[in-house]
Amino acid sequence: MSRAMRARPAVARRPPVKAASTEYLLRLYVAGRTAKSVQALANLKQICEEHLAGRYQLEVVDLLENPALARGDQILALPALVRQLPPPVKKIIGDFSNAERVLVGLDLRPMKKGRAR
């Protein structure tokens, strides 16, 4: 068998971590100004300022005021964060108190080996 025909072993690749200059468009879906919504927004703002300062736009969508907006991003649970840009679209649900999970979910940090999302 020639060298050209030999199968190459599969190499496990981690998803790429986005470049420091990438712009992020984030949309946070909440239901009113509940304690959980307020805390999720505060946690998210802290993470964004620490890791994306000057490189993100955050839109907050209150589904009590605009429930039809949930349909476009297929929101089923709240609070929910949708990363519109950069592609691909990513979704994270929760209060965003675990910064590591948020960073992995936004592809800002690779997932550590042996840990599930």
Protein backbone atom coordinates (compact mmCIF):
# COMPACT_ATOMS: atom_id res chain seq x y z
CA MET A 1 0.00 0.00 0.00
CA SER A 2 1.43 3.38 -0.96
CA ARG A 3 1.86 6.16 1.55
CA ALA A 4 -0.83 8.23 -0.14
CA MET A 5 -3.43 5.50 0.40
CA ARG A 6 -2.76 4.84 4.08
CA ALA A 7 -5.46 6.04 6.39
CA ARG A 8 -4.40 8.72 8.80
CA PRO A 9 -5.32 8.23 12.44
CA ALA A 10 -8.18 10.40 13.64
CA VAL A 11 -7.03 13.35 15.70
CA ALA A 12 -9.32 14.69 18.39
CA ARG A 13 -9.60 18.43 18.01
CA ARG A 14 -10.86 20.95 20.48
CA PRO A 15 -13.17 23.64 19.20
CA PRO A 16 -11.22 26.79 18.39
CA VAL A 17 -11.14 29.55 20.98
CA LYS A 18 -12.27 32.80 19.38
CA ALA A 19 -9.70 35.49 18.63
CA ALA A 20 -9.38 38.40 21.03
CA SER A 21 -10.73 40.82 18.41
CA THR A 22 -13.99 38.94 17.72
CA GLU A 23 -17.17 40.96 18.28
CA TYR A 24 -19.98 39.24 20.21
CA LEU A 25 -23.69 39.93 19.81
CA LEU A 26 -25.54 38.49 22.80
CA ARG A 27 -29.26 38.39 23.53
CA LEU A 28 -30.48 37.66 27.06
CA TYR A 29 -34.07 36.50 27.41
CA VAL A 30 -35.75 37.11 30.78
CA ALA A 31 -39.28 37.17 32.18
CA GLY A 32 -39.72 40.46 34.01
CA ARG A 33 -37.48 41.84 36.72
CA THR A 34 -37.54 38.82 38.98
CA ALA A 35 -34.67 38.16 41.39
CA LYS A 36 -33.43 35.38 39.10
CA SER A 37 -33.49 37.62 36.02
CA VAL A 38 -31.70 40.46 37.80
CA GLN A 39 -29.04 38.10 39.15
CA ALA A 40 -28.53 36.46 35.74
CA LEU A 41 -28.05 39.87 34.11
CA ALA A 42 -25.58 40.97 36.80
CA ASN A 43 -23.59 37.73 36.50
CA LEU A 44 -23.53 37.97 32.71
CA LYS A 45 -22.44 41.62 32.71
CA GLN A 46 -19.58 40.80 35.09
CA ILE A 47 -18.36 37.94 32.88
CA CYS A 48 -18.65 40.04 29.72
CA GLU A 49 -16.79 43.01 31.20
CA GLU A 50 -14.02 40.75 32.45
CA HIS A 51 -13.60 38.67 29.27
CA LEU A 52 -15.16 40.69 26.42
CA ALA A 53 -14.69 44.32 27.45
CA GLY A 54 -15.39 46.57 24.48
CA ARG A 55 -16.13 43.62 22.19
CA TYR A 56 -19.74 42.79 22.95
CA GLN A 57 -23.28 44.07 22.62
CA LEU A 58 -25.88 42.76 25.03
CA GLU A 59 -29.57 43.02 24.25
CA VAL A 60 -32.01 42.17 27.03
CA VAL A 61 -35.40 40.88 25.86
CA ASP A 62 -38.22 40.78 28.41
CA LEU A 63 -40.61 38.10 27.23
CA LEU A 64 -43.40 39.46 29.43
CA GLU A 65 -43.38 42.52 27.16
CA ASN A 66 -42.57 40.75 23.87
CA PRO A 67 -43.40 37.02 24.11
CA ALA A 68 -43.32 36.53 20.33
CA LEU A 69 -39.57 37.26 20.28
CA ALA A 70 -38.88 33.90 21.95
CA ARG A 71 -40.06 32.05 18.86
CA GLY A 72 -37.20 33.18 16.62
CA ASP A 73 -34.49 31.80 18.90
CA GLN A 74 -36.63 28.85 20.07
CA ILE A 75 -36.44 29.81 23.76
CA LEU A 76 -37.96 27.18 26.03
CA ALA A 77 -36.48 28.08 29.45
CA LEU A 78 -35.42 31.31 31.14
CA PRO A 79 -33.15 33.10 31.68
CA ALA A 80 -31.53 32.17 28.38
CA LEU A 81 -28.54 33.65 26.60
CA VAL A 82 -28.20 33.41 22.83
CA ARG A 83 -24.91 34.21 21.16
CA GLN A 84 -25.96 35.59 17.78
CA LEU A 85 -22.43 36.46 16.63
CA PRO A 86 -19.92 35.08 15.94
CA PRO A 87 -21.48 32.03 14.26
CA PRO A 88 -22.57 29.42 15.05
CA VAL A 89 -25.46 30.45 17.29
CA LYS A 90 -25.00 29.19 20.86
CA LYS A 91 -27.52 29.01 23.71
CA ILE A 92 -26.94 28.89 27.46
CA ILE A 93 -29.66 28.58 30.08
CA GLY A 94 -29.32 29.41 33.77
CA ASP A 95 -28.32 32.19 36.13
CA PHE A 96 -24.76 32.40 34.75
CA SER A 97 -23.24 32.09 38.23
CA ASN A 98 -20.72 29.53 36.95
CA ALA A 99 -18.39 31.72 34.89
CA GLU A 100 -16.44 28.70 33.59
CA ARG A 101 -19.59 27.18 32.06
CA VAL A 102 -20.54 30.48 30.46
CA LEU A 103 -17.05 30.91 28.98
CA VAL A 104 -17.10 27.37 27.58
CA GLY A 105 -20.63 27.91 26.26
CA LEU A 106 -19.54 31.08 24.46
CA ASP A 107 -16.44 29.31 23.08
CA LEU A 108 -14.19 31.70 24.97
CA ARG A 109 -12.50 28.86 26.78
CA PRO A 110 -12.08 25.22 25.73
CA MET A 111 -13.90 22.58 27.76
CA LYS A 112 -11.61 20.85 30.21
CA LYS A 113 -10.99 17.18 29.53
CA GLY A 114 -13.15 14.81 31.54
CA ARG A 115 -15.85 17.40 32.24
CA ALA A 116 -19.28 17.45 30.68
CA ARG A 117 -21.13 20.69 30.03
